[in-house]
C-alpha atoms as a PDB file:
ATOM      1  CA  UNK A   1     114.230 101.424  10.625  1.00  0.00           C
ATOM      2  CA  UNK A   2     116.575  99.553  12.850  1.00  0.00           C
ATOM      3  CA  UNK A   3     117.953 102.769  14.254  1.00  0.00           C
ATOM      4  CA  UNK A   4     114.428 104.082  14.838  1.00  0.00           C
ATOM      5  CA  UNK A   5     113.464 100.857  16.623  1.00  0.00           C
ATOM      6  CA  UNK A   6     116.570 101.032  18.734  1.00  0.00           C
ATOM      7  CA  UNK A   7     115.833 104.677  19.582  1.00  0.00           C
ATOM      8  CA  UNK A   8     112.258 103.835  20.558  1.00  0.00           C
ATOM      9  CA  UNK A   9     113.468 100.944  22.675  1.00  0.00           C
ATOM     10  CA  UNK A  10     116.050 103.168  24.376  1.00  0.00           C
ATOM     11  CA  UNK A  11     113.429 105.903  24.945  1.00  0.00           C
ATOM     12  CA  UNK A  12     111.059 103.375  26.462  1.00  0.00           C
ATOM     13  CA  UNK A  13     113.790 102.124  28.734  1.00  0.00           C
ATOM     14  CA  UNK A  14     114.618 105.708  29.798  1.00  0.00           C
ATOM     15  CA  UNK A  15     110.988 106.361  30.529  1.00  0.00           C
ATOM     16  CA  UNK A  16     110.786 103.228  32.657  1.00  0.00           C
ATOM     17  CA  UNK A  17     113.882 104.325  34.535  1.00  0.00           C
ATOM     18  CA  UNK A  18     112.452 107.789  35.092  1.00  0.00           C
ATOM     19  CA  UNK A  19     109.152 106.338  36.383  1.00  0.00           C
ATOM     20  CA  UNK A  20     111.146 103.981  38.620  1.00  0.00           C
ATOM     21  CA  UNK A  21     113.230 106.870  39.901  1.00  0.00           C
ATOM     22  CA  UNK A  22     110.061 108.891  40.600  1.00  0.00           C
ATOM     23  CA  UNK A  23     108.540 105.970  42.530  1.00  0.00           C
ATOM     24  CA  UNK A  24     111.735 105.533  44.477  1.00  0.00           C
ATOM     25  CA  UNK A  25     111.861 109.276  45.238  1.00  0.00           C
ATOM     26  CA  UNK A  26     108.217 109.195  46.362  1.00  0.00           C
ATOM     27  CA  UNK A  27     108.951 106.270  48.602  1.00  0.00           C
ATOM     28  CA  UNK A  28     111.966 108.022  50.070  1.00  0.00           C
ATOM     29  CA  UNK A  29     109.956 111.179  50.722  1.00  0.00           C
ATOM     30  CA  UNK A  30     107.218 109.115  52.383  1.00  0.00           C
ATOM     31  CA  UNK A  31     109.769 107.381  54.571  1.00  0.00           C
ATOM     32  CA  UNK A  32     111.357 110.694  55.582  1.00  0.00           C
ATOM     33  CA  UNK A  33     107.928 112.100  56.380  1.00  0.00           C
ATOM     34  CA  UNK A  34     107.059 109.076  58.506  1.00  0.00           C
ATOM     35  CA  UNK A  35     110.398 109.384  60.310  1.00  0.00           C
ATOM     36  CA  UNK A  36     109.682 113.035  61.055  1.00  0.00           C
ATOM     37  CA  UNK A  37     106.250 112.149  62.389  1.00  0.00           C
ATOM     38  CA  UNK A  38     107.725 109.387  64.588  1.00  0.00           C
ATOM     39  CA  UNK A  39     110.382 111.708  66.018  1.00  0.00           C
ATOM     40  CA  UNK A  40     107.769 114.374  66.685  1.00  0.00           C
ATOM     41  CA  UNK A  41     105.509 111.863  68.374  1.00  0.00           C
ATOM     42  CA  UNK A  42     108.368 110.677  70.624  1.00  0.00           C
ATOM     43  CA  UNK A  43     109.193 114.263  71.532  1.00  0.00           C
ATOM     44  CA  UNK A  44     105.559 115.019  72.306  1.00  0.00           C
ATOM     45  CA  UNK A  45     105.301 111.988  74.637  1.00  0.00           C
ATOM     46  CA  UNK A  46     108.546 112.883  76.368  1.00  0.00           C
ATOM     47  CA  UNK A  47     107.380 116.473  76.892  1.00  0.00           C
ATOM     48  CA  UNK A  48     104.028 115.206  78.141  1.00  0.00           C
ATOM     49  CA  UNK A  49     105.736 113.083  80.795  1.00  0.00           C
ATOM     50  CA  UNK A  50     107.868 116.004  81.776  1.00  0.00           C
ATOM     51  CA  UNK A  51     104.866 118.321  82.022  1.00  0.00           C
ATOM     52  CA  UNK A  52     102.970 115.691  84.019  1.00  0.00           C
ATOM     53  CA  UNK A  53     105.866 115.362  86.469  1.00  0.00           C
ATOM     54  CA  UNK A  54     105.999 119.154  86.827  1.00  0.00           C
ATOM     55  CA  UNK A  55     102.248 119.338  87.411  1.00  0.00           C
ATOM     56  CA  UNK A  56     102.405 116.514  89.955  1.00  0.00           C
ATOM     57  CA  UNK A  57     105.222 118.305  91.754  1.00  0.00           C
ATOM     58  CA  UNK A  58     103.247 121.558  91.800  1.00  0.00           C
ATOM     59  CA  UNK A  59     100.086 119.885  93.081  1.00  0.00           C
ATOM     60  CA  UNK A  60     102.042 118.034  95.757  1.00  0.00           C
ATOM     61  CA  UNK A  61     103.652 121.290  96.867  1.00  0.00           C
ATOM     62  CA  UNK A  62     100.244 122.988  97.017  1.00  0.00           C
ATOM     63  CA  UNK A  63      98.754 120.152  99.029  1.00  0.00           C
ATOM     64  CA  UNK A  64     101.707 120.237 101.391  1.00  0.00           C
ATOM     65  CA  UNK A  65     101.313 123.970 101.842  1.00  0.00           C
ATOM     66  CA  UNK A  66      97.585 123.610 102.393  1.00  0.00           C
ATOM     67  CA  UNK A  67      98.049 120.786 104.881  1.00  0.00           C
ATOM     68  CA  UNK A  68     100.625 122.728 106.844  1.00  0.00           C
ATOM     69  CA  UNK A  69      98.157 125.623 107.066  1.00  0.00           C
ATOM     70  CA  UNK A  70      94.936 123.739 107.864  1.00  0.00           C
ATOM     71  CA  UNK A  71      96.351 120.840 109.853  1.00  0.00           C
ATOM     72  CA  UNK A  72      99.172 121.957 112.156  1.00  0.00           C
ATOM     73  CA  UNK A  73     101.988 119.555 112.784  1.00  0.00           C
ATOM     74  CA  UNK A  74     101.309 117.189 115.640  1.00  0.00           C
ATOM     75  CA  UNK A  75     103.435 117.738 118.709  1.00  0.00           C
ATOM     76  CA  UNK A  76     104.628 114.459 120.184  1.00  0.00           C
ATOM     77  CA  UNK A  77     104.299 113.851 123.882  1.00  0.00           C
ATOM     78  CA  UNK A  78     107.528 114.090 125.862  1.00  0.00           C
ATOM     79  CA  UNK A  79     109.160 110.672 125.843  1.00  0.00           C
ATOM     80  CA  UNK A  80     110.824 111.141 129.221  1.00  0.00           C
ATOM     81  CA  UNK A  81     108.220 113.154 131.163  1.00  0.00           C
ATOM     82  CA  UNK A  82     108.549 112.548 134.884  1.00  0.00           C
ATOM     83  CA  UNK A  83     105.250 111.077 136.039  1.00  0.00           C
ATOM     84  CA  UNK A  84     103.712 109.465 139.047  1.00  0.00           C
ATOM     85  CA  UNK A  85     100.900 106.956 139.083  1.00  0.00           C
ATOM     86  CA  UNK A  86      97.711 108.112 140.761  1.00  0.00           C
ATOM     87  CA  UNK A  87      95.221 105.505 141.950  1.00  0.00           C
ATOM     88  CA  UNK A  88      91.642 106.288 140.858  1.00  0.00           C
ATOM     89  CA  UNK A  89      89.262 107.119 143.648  1.00  0.00           C
ATOM     90  CA  UNK A  90      87.232 104.139 145.050  1.00  0.00           C
ATOM     91  CA  UNK A  91      84.012 105.629 143.690  1.00  0.00           C
ATOM     92  CA  UNK A  92      85.376 105.921 140.173  1.00  0.00           C
ATOM     93  CA  UNK A  93      86.990 102.470 140.282  1.00  0.00           C
ATOM     94  CA  UNK A  94      83.738 100.896 141.475  1.00  0.00           C
ATOM     95  CA  UNK A  95      81.677 102.754 138.903  1.00  0.00           C
ATOM     96  CA  UNK A  96      83.890 101.489 136.112  1.00  0.00           C
ATOM     97  CA  UNK A  97      83.156  97.913 137.094  1.00  0.00           C
ATOM     98  CA  UNK A  98      79.382  98.304 137.065  1.00  0.00           C
ATOM     99  CA  UNK A  99      77.585  96.590 134.185  1.00  0.00           C
ATOM    100  CA  UNK A 100      73.842  96.798 133.809  1.00  0.00           C
ATOM    101  CA  UNK A 101      72.485  93.565 132.381  1.00  0.00           C
ATOM    102  CA  UNK A 102      69.312  95.354 131.404  1.00  0.00           C
ATOM    103  CA  UNK A 103      71.193  97.986 129.405  1.00  0.00           C
ATOM    104  CA  UNK A 104      71.176  97.520 125.617  1.00  0.00           C
ATOM    105  CA  UNK A 105      74.125  95.337 124.488  1.00  0.00           C
ATOM    106  CA  UNK A 106      76.035  96.139 127.668  1.00  0.00           C
ATOM    107  CA  UNK A 107      78.837  93.603 128.209  1.00  0.00           C
ATOM    108  CA  UNK A 108      79.039  91.425 131.303  1.00  0.00           C
ATOM    109  CA  UNK A 109      82.762  90.875 130.810  1.00  0.00           C
ATOM    110  CA  UNK A 110      84.815  92.946 133.274  1.00  0.00           C
ATOM    111  CA  UNK A 111      87.205  95.400 131.772  1.00  0.00           C
ATOM    112  CA  UNK A 112      90.485  96.183 133.607  1.00  0.00           C
ATOM    113  CA  UNK A 113      90.463  99.549 135.344  1.00  0.00           C
ATOM    114  CA  UNK A 114      92.819 101.826 133.345  1.00  0.00           C
ATOM    115  CA  UNK A 115      95.796 103.345 135.068  1.00  0.00           C
ATOM    116  CA  UNK A 116      96.330 107.107 135.109  1.00  0.00           C
ATOM    117  CA  UNK A 117      99.590 108.985 135.125  1.00  0.00           C
ATOM    118  CA  UNK A 118      99.894 112.627 136.169  1.00  0.00           C
ATOM    119  CA  UNK A 119     103.061 114.734 136.249  1.00  0.00           C
ATOM    120  CA  UNK A 120     104.458 115.628 139.682  1.00  0.00           C
ATOM    121  CA  UNK A 121     103.679 119.310 139.065  1.00  0.00           C
ATOM    122  CA  UNK A 122      99.929 118.868 139.235  1.00  0.00           C
ATOM    123  CA  UNK A 123      98.056 121.222 136.950  1.00  0.00           C
ATOM    124  CA  UNK A 124     100.851 121.925 134.483  1.00  0.00           C
ATOM    125  CA  UNK A 125     100.489 118.649 132.535  1.00  0.00           C
ATOM    126  CA  UNK A 126      98.550 115.391 132.628  1.00  0.00           C
ATOM    127  CA  UNK A 127      98.018 112.385 130.408  1.00  0.00           C
ATOM    128  CA  UNK A 128      95.424 109.599 130.796  1.00  0.00           C
ATOM    129  CA  UNK A 129      96.913 106.240 129.866  1.00  0.00           C
ATOM    130  CA  UNK A 130      95.077 103.189 128.497  1.00  0.00           C
ATOM    131  CA  UNK A 131      92.312 104.994 126.659  1.00  0.00           C
ATOM    132  CA  UNK A 132      91.754 102.868 123.568  1.00  0.00           C
ATOM    133  CA  UNK A 133      90.114 104.258 120.436  1.00  0.00           C
ATOM    134  CA  UNK A 134      88.926 102.715 117.172  1.00  0.00           C
ATOM    135  CA  UNK A 135      88.145 104.020 113.674  1.00  0.00           C
ATOM    136  CA  UNK A 136      84.513 104.990 113.229  1.00  0.00           C
ATOM    137  CA  UNK A 137      82.463 102.470 111.264  1.00  0.00           C
ATOM    138  CA  UNK A 138      80.410 104.902 109.176  1.00  0.00           C
ATOM    139  CA  UNK A 139      81.205 108.214 107.450  1.00  0.00           C
ATOM    140  CA  UNK A 140      79.337 110.338 110.040  1.00  0.00           C
ATOM    141  CA  UNK A 141      79.341 108.102 113.144  1.00  0.00           C
ATOM    142  CA  UNK A 142      82.156 110.001 114.971  1.00  0.00           C
ATOM    143  CA  UNK A 143      79.855 110.821 117.883  1.00  0.00           C
ATOM    144  CA  UNK A 144      78.925 107.168 118.391  1.00  0.00           C
ATOM    145  CA  UNK A 145      82.514 106.103 117.956  1.00  0.00           C
ATOM    146  CA  UNK A 146      83.804 108.538 120.592  1.00  0.00           C
ATOM    147  CA  UNK A 147      80.911 107.669 122.951  1.00  0.00           C
ATOM    148  CA  UNK A 148      81.560 103.929 122.914  1.00  0.00           C
ATOM    149  CA  UNK A 149      85.325 104.448 123.398  1.00  0.00           C
ATOM    150  CA  UNK A 150      84.586 106.734 126.343  1.00  0.00           C
ATOM    151  CA  UNK A 151      82.149 104.157 127.772  1.00  0.00           C
ATOM    152  CA  UNK A 152      84.724 101.381 127.326  1.00  0.00           C
ATOM    153  CA  UNK A 153      87.282 103.367 129.386  1.00  0.00           C
ATOM    154  CA  UNK A 154      84.744 103.461 132.218  1.00  0.00           C
ATOM    155  CA  UNK A 155      84.097  99.720 131.880  1.00  0.00           C
ATOM    156  CA  UNK A 156      80.942  99.459 129.742  1.00  0.00           C
ATOM    157  CA  UNK A 157      81.193  97.796 126.367  1.00  0.00           C
ATOM    158  CA  UNK A 158      78.749  99.099 123.724  1.00  0.00           C
ATOM    159  CA  UNK A 159      78.516  98.259 120.027  1.00  0.00           C
ATOM    160  CA  UNK A 160      78.995 101.402 117.924  1.00  0.00           C
ATOM    161  CA  UNK A 161      76.336 100.535 115.331  1.00  0.00           C
ATOM    162  CA  UNK A 162      73.859  99.674 118.076  1.00  0.00           C
ATOM    163  CA  UNK A 163      74.551 102.997 119.757  1.00  0.00           C
ATOM    164  CA  UNK A 164      74.185 104.867 116.470  1.00  0.00           C
ATOM    165  CA  UNK A 165      70.874 103.180 115.677  1.00  0.00           C
ATOM    166  CA  UNK A 166      69.487 104.266 119.073  1.00  0.00           C
ATOM    167  CA  UNK A 167      70.212 107.964 118.615  1.00  0.00           C
ATOM    168  CA  UNK A 168      66.998 109.947 117.958  1.00  0.00           C
ATOM    169  CA  UNK A 169      66.619 111.552 114.518  1.00  0.00           C
ATOM    170  CA  UNK A 170      65.929 115.253 114.021  1.00  0.00           C
ATOM    171  CA  UNK A 171      66.766 118.194 111.782  1.00  0.00           C
ATOM    172  CA  UNK A 172      68.023 119.891 114.960  1.00  0.00           C
ATOM    173  CA  UNK A 173      71.414 118.523 116.152  1.00  0.00           C
ATOM    174  CA  UNK A 174      70.521 119.554 119.709  1.00  0.00           C
ATOM    175  CA  UNK A 175      67.615 117.104 119.574  1.00  0.00           C
ATOM    176  CA  UNK A 176      68.927 114.184 117.524  1.00  0.00           C
ATOM    177  CA  UNK A 177      71.076 112.988 114.642  1.00  0.00           C
ATOM    178  CA  UNK A 178      70.696 115.100 111.484  1.00  0.00           C
ATOM    179  CA  UNK A 179      70.608 113.346 108.114  1.00  0.00           C
ATOM    180  CA  UNK A 180      72.014 110.076 106.850  1.00  0.00           C
ATOM    181  CA  UNK A 181      74.924 108.648 108.828  1.00  0.00           C
ATOM    182  CA  UNK A 182      76.368 107.428 105.534  1.00  0.00           C
ATOM    183  CA  UNK A 183      76.256 110.915 103.980  1.00  0.00           C
ATOM    184  CA  UNK A 184      79.217 113.121 103.040  1.00  0.00           C
ATOM    185  CA  UNK A 185      81.235 114.902 105.731  1.00  0.00           C
ATOM    186  CA  UNK A 186      81.425 118.678 105.719  1.00  0.00           C
ATOM    187  CA  UNK A 187      77.746 119.609 105.261  1.00  0.00           C
ATOM    188  CA  UNK A 188      75.429 121.545 107.539  1.00  0.00           C
ATOM    189  CA  UNK A 189      71.794 120.797 108.543  1.00  0.00           C
ATOM    190  CA  UNK A 190      69.372 119.867 107.232  1.00  0.00           C
ATOM    191  CA  UNK A 191      71.887 117.946 105.035  1.00  0.00           C
ATOM    192  CA  UNK A 192      73.691 114.977 106.624  1.00  0.00           C
ATOM    193  CA  UNK A 193      75.564 116.405 109.601  1.00  0.00           C
ATOM    194  CA  UNK A 194      75.698 114.560 112.905  1.00  0.00           C
ATOM    195  CA  UNK A 195      74.517 115.292 116.446  1.00  0.00           C
ATOM    196  CA  UNK A 196      75.542 117.542 119.332  1.00  0.00           C
ATOM    197  CA  UNK A 197      76.295 116.638 122.940  1.00  0.00           C
ATOM    198  CA  UNK A 198      72.900 116.453 124.668  1.00  0.00           C
ATOM    199  CA  UNK A 199      71.346 113.476 122.761  1.00  0.00           C
ATOM    200  CA  UNK A 200      74.631 111.543 123.047  1.00  0.00           C
ATOM    201  CA  UNK A 201      74.830 112.100 126.790  1.00  0.00           C
ATOM    202  CA  UNK A 202      71.220 111.057 127.316  1.00  0.00           C
ATOM    203  CA  UNK A 203      71.801 107.837 125.396  1.00  0.00           C
ATOM    204  CA  UNK A 204      74.972 107.093 127.387  1.00  0.00           C
ATOM    205  CA  UNK A 205      72.951 107.490 130.573  1.00  0.00           C
ATOM    206  CA  UNK A 206      70.547 104.810 129.340  1.00  0.00           C
ATOM    207  CA  UNK A 207      73.546 102.436 129.410  1.00  0.00           C
ATOM    208  CA  UNK A 208      74.175 103.285 133.043  1.00  0.00           C
ATOM    209  CA  UNK A 209      76.945 105.855 132.505  1.00  0.00           C
ATOM    210  CA  UNK A 210      76.794 109.169 134.402  1.00  0.00           C
ATOM    211  CA  UNK A 211      77.340 111.308 131.309  1.00  0.00           C
ATOM    212  CA  UNK A 212      76.574 115.040 131.384  1.00  0.00           C
ATOM    213  CA  UNK A 213      76.425 117.337 128.367  1.00  0.00           C
ATOM    214  CA  UNK A 214      77.782 120.823 128.932  1.00  0.00           C
ATOM    215  CA  UNK A 215      78.487 123.950 126.870  1.00  0.00           C
ATOM    216  CA  UNK A 216      80.923 126.846 127.405  1.00  0.00           C
ATOM    217  CA  UNK A 217      83.159 124.637 129.488  1.00  0.00           C
ATOM    218  CA  UNK A 218      86.209 126.469 130.819  1.00  0.00           C
ATOM    219  CA  UNK A 219      89.742 125.385 130.108  1.00  0.00           C
ATOM    220  CA  UNK A 220      90.388 125.091 133.821  1.00  0.00           C
ATOM    221  CA  UNK A 221      87.438 122.688 134.251  1.00  0.00           C
ATOM    222  CA  UNK A 222      88.703 120.597 131.335  1.00  0.00           C
ATOM    223  CA  UNK A 223      92.139 120.432 132.974  1.00  0.00           C
ATOM    224  CA  UNK A 224      90.539 119.300 136.221  1.00  0.00           C
ATOM    225  CA  UNK A 225      88.723 116.457 134.418  1.00  0.00           C
ATOM    226  CA  UNK A 226      92.003 115.199 132.892  1.00  0.00           C
ATOM    227  CA  UNK A 227      93.708 115.526 136.272  1.00  0.00           C
ATOM    228  CA  UNK A 228      90.968 113.375 137.761  1.00  0.00           C
ATOM    229  CA  UNK A 229      91.556 110.687 135.156  1.00  0.00           C
ATOM    230  CA  UNK A 230      88.364 111.390 133.165  1.00  0.00           C
ATOM    231  CA  UNK A 231      88.696 111.683 129.389  1.00  0.00           C
ATOM    232  CA  UNK A 232      86.358 114.341 127.975  1.00  0.00           C
ATOM    233  CA  UNK A 233      84.345 114.059 124.737  1.00  0.00           C
ATOM    234  CA  UNK A 234      84.509 117.377 122.850  1.00  0.00           C
ATOM    235  CA  UNK A 235      83.023 118.815 119.661  1.00  0.00           C
ATOM    236  CA  UNK A 236      85.540 120.404 117.289  1.00  0.00           C
ATOM    237  CA  UNK A 237      86.005 121.238 113.615  1.00  0.00           C
ATOM    238  CA  UNK A 238      87.720 118.690 111.399  1.00  0.00           C
ATOM    239  CA  UNK A 239      90.750 117.053 112.963  1.00  0.00           C
ATOM    240  CA  UNK A 240      90.951 119.943 115.414  1.00  0.00           C
ATOM    241  CA  UNK A 241      91.341 122.803 112.967  1.00  0.00           C
ATOM    242  CA  UNK A 242      89.956 126.312 112.822  1.00  0.00           C
ATOM    243  CA  UNK A 243      86.415 126.736 111.501  1.00  0.00           C
ATOM    244  CA  UNK A 244      83.495 129.149 111.245  1.00  0.00           C
ATOM    245  CA  UNK A 245      80.248 128.995 113.279  1.00  0.00           C
ATOM    246  CA  UNK A 246      77.079 128.975 111.173  1.00  0.00           C
ATOM    247  CA  UNK A 247      73.691 130.090 112.609  1.00  0.00           C
ATOM    248  CA  UNK A 248      70.926 127.579 111.951  1.00  0.00           C
ATOM    249  CA  UNK A 249      67.160 127.457 112.535  1.00  0.00           C
ATOM    250  CA  UNK A 250      65.513 124.051 112.553  1.00  0.00           C
ATOM    251  CA  UNK A 251      62.067 123.323 111.148  1.00  0.00           C
ATOM    252  CA  UNK A 252      60.692 123.731 114.662  1.00  0.00           C
ATOM    253  CA  UNK A 253      62.055 127.247 114.921  1.00  0.00           C
ATOM    254  CA  UNK A 254      64.898 126.456 117.387  1.00  0.00           C
ATOM    255  CA  UNK A 255      68.070 128.427 116.841  1.00  0.00           C
ATOM    256  CA  UNK A 256      71.488 126.804 117.242  1.00  0.00           C
ATOM    257  CA  UNK A 257      75.031 126.985 115.889  1.00  0.00           C
ATOM    258  CA  UNK A 258      76.491 124.425 113.502  1.00  0.00           C
ATOM    259  CA  UNK A 259      79.756 124.161 111.594  1.00  0.00           C
ATOM    260  CA  UNK A 260      81.050 122.459 108.493  1.00  0.00           C
ATOM    261  CA  UNK A 261      83.176 119.382 109.263  1.00  0.00           C
ATOM    262  CA  UNK A 262      81.731 119.098 112.757  1.00  0.00           C
ATOM    263  CA  UNK A 263      83.672 116.316 114.472  1.00  0.00           C
ATOM    264  CA  UNK A 264      83.792 114.595 117.879  1.00  0.00           C
ATOM    265  CA  UNK A 265      87.016 113.528 119.610  1.00  0.00           C
ATOM    266  CA  UNK A 266      88.323 112.949 123.141  1.00  0.00           C
ATOM    267  CA  UNK A 267      90.750 115.008 125.125  1.00  0.00           C
ATOM    268  CA  UNK A 268      93.088 112.721 127.054  1.00  0.00           C
ATOM    269  CA  UNK A 269      95.978 114.968 128.050  1.00  0.00           C
ATOM    270  CA  UNK A 270      97.538 118.400 128.067  1.00  0.00           C
ATOM    271  CA  UNK A 271     100.689 120.356 128.796  1.00  0.00           C
ATOM    272  CA  UNK A 272     101.273 124.104 129.148  1.00  0.00           C
ATOM    273  CA  UNK A 273     101.324 124.429 125.378  1.00  0.00           C
ATOM    274  CA  UNK A 274      99.525 121.418 123.891  1.00  0.00           C
ATOM    275  CA  UNK A 275      96.394 119.319 124.084  1.00  0.00           C
ATOM    276  CA  UNK A 276      96.466 115.562 123.429  1.00  0.00           C
ATOM    277  CA  UNK A 277      93.608 114.255 121.269  1.00  0.00           C
ATOM    278  CA  UNK A 278      92.225 110.717 120.769  1.00  0.00           C
ATOM    279  CA  UNK A 279      90.614 110.896 117.315  1.00  0.00           C
ATOM    280  CA  UNK A 280      89.258 107.469 116.457  1.00  0.00           C
ATOM    281  CA  UNK A 281      92.330 105.263 116.783  1.00  0.00           C
ATOM    282  CA  UNK A 282      94.772 108.144 116.263  1.00  0.00           C
ATOM    283  CA  UNK A 283      96.498 110.019 119.100  1.00  0.00           C
ATOM    284  CA  UNK A 284      98.003 113.391 118.281  1.00  0.00           C
ATOM    285  CA  UNK A 285      98.669 116.770 119.836  1.00  0.00           C
ATOM    286  CA  UNK A 286      97.567 120.255 118.887  1.00  0.00           C
ATOM    287  CA  UNK A 287      98.679 123.573 120.254  1.00  0.00           C
ATOM    288  CA  UNK A 288      96.515 124.783 123.136  1.00  0.00           C
ATOM    289  CA  UNK A 289      95.488 127.955 121.239  1.00  0.00           C
ATOM    290  CA  UNK A 290      94.606 125.993 118.127  1.00  0.00           C
ATOM    291  CA  UNK A 291      92.510 123.535 120.143  1.00  0.00           C
ATOM    292  CA  UNK A 292      90.665 126.325 121.941  1.00  0.00           C
ATOM    293  CA  UNK A 293      89.835 127.978 118.632  1.00  0.00           C
ATOM    294  CA  UNK A 294      88.479 124.739 117.113  1.00  0.00           C
ATOM    295  CA  UNK A 295      86.554 123.770 120.280  1.00  0.00           C
ATOM    296  CA  UNK A 296      85.106 127.237 120.564  1.00  0.00           C
ATOM    297  CA  UNK A 297      83.370 127.184 117.183  1.00  0.00           C
ATOM    298  CA  UNK A 298      80.492 125.037 118.555  1.00  0.00           C
ATOM    299  CA  UNK A 299      80.442 126.701 121.972  1.00  0.00           C
ATOM    300  CA  UNK A 300      82.950 124.443 123.805  1.00  0.00           C
ATOM    301  CA  UNK A 301      80.524 121.498 123.959  1.00  0.00           C
ATOM    302  CA  UNK A 302      81.619 118.453 125.947  1.00  0.00           C
ATOM    303  CA  UNK A 303      80.466 115.368 127.709  1.00  0.00           C
ATOM    304  CA  UNK A 304      81.770 114.862 131.261  1.00  0.00           C
ATOM    305  CA  UNK A 305      81.771 111.996 133.780  1.00  0.00           C
ATOM    306  CA  UNK A 306      79.430 113.153 136.543  1.00  0.00           C
ATOM    307  CA  UNK A 307      78.440 110.391 139.051  1.00  0.00           C
END
């Protein structure tokens, strides 16, 4: 009996050891499995970061390629261009110092007459100095922004928001501002769009400025305006990029041409190969051919100083 009891005790101990070994083995397997999962998770995260970096690089490259195609590199003005100062004509100088107290929000504070510099070889290049621009206040107020900067150059201070609020409203950009000035850029009428030259010129005249809206202006006439020290407001596509004219018929049956990303800037200089643009507060250059293409989409619209 003693031997049987000892055998049973030994068997029980062996069984306990076996169960303990099994539990230990199970624990070891679980730990190995967890370790494999952890390593896999780390590898997956590392690969994700790598893929993200590759994707970012690819997108950046695509954006760079797109930008270089749609927005040509700005050509800086010559830093050592030989120039001579030309005194504005007495009529222009006097007109710049006229302030109509009855005009809406016209300032009574005199503004210094800007100086103008023209290269000695008249006609080949010119640059109007002291034209100051500012960033437009609202998403689609580029016409008002350019108009008040143009007015300021000629000595009349106008508030941009006041000017914008006084533009007539219409679904025809030849008659008034189309859509919500806080709408999204890049649409065409009757969606939020903007306004063409004629309503802007008429409103500028109400402030005492001799503004004239024109279409199909020649390059030679534009050169002559810059030579005379008169910045010119022009209608282009985007930040002076190529675009496509779109035929449009308003609710009143009038036909006109519009363009996506219609934009208004000022021409303040040129050379044989480039045109200098004041776009809000930015000054940059575009090739002459590129400018003529962009300007031509909306029929070479412009506003000129015409006393």
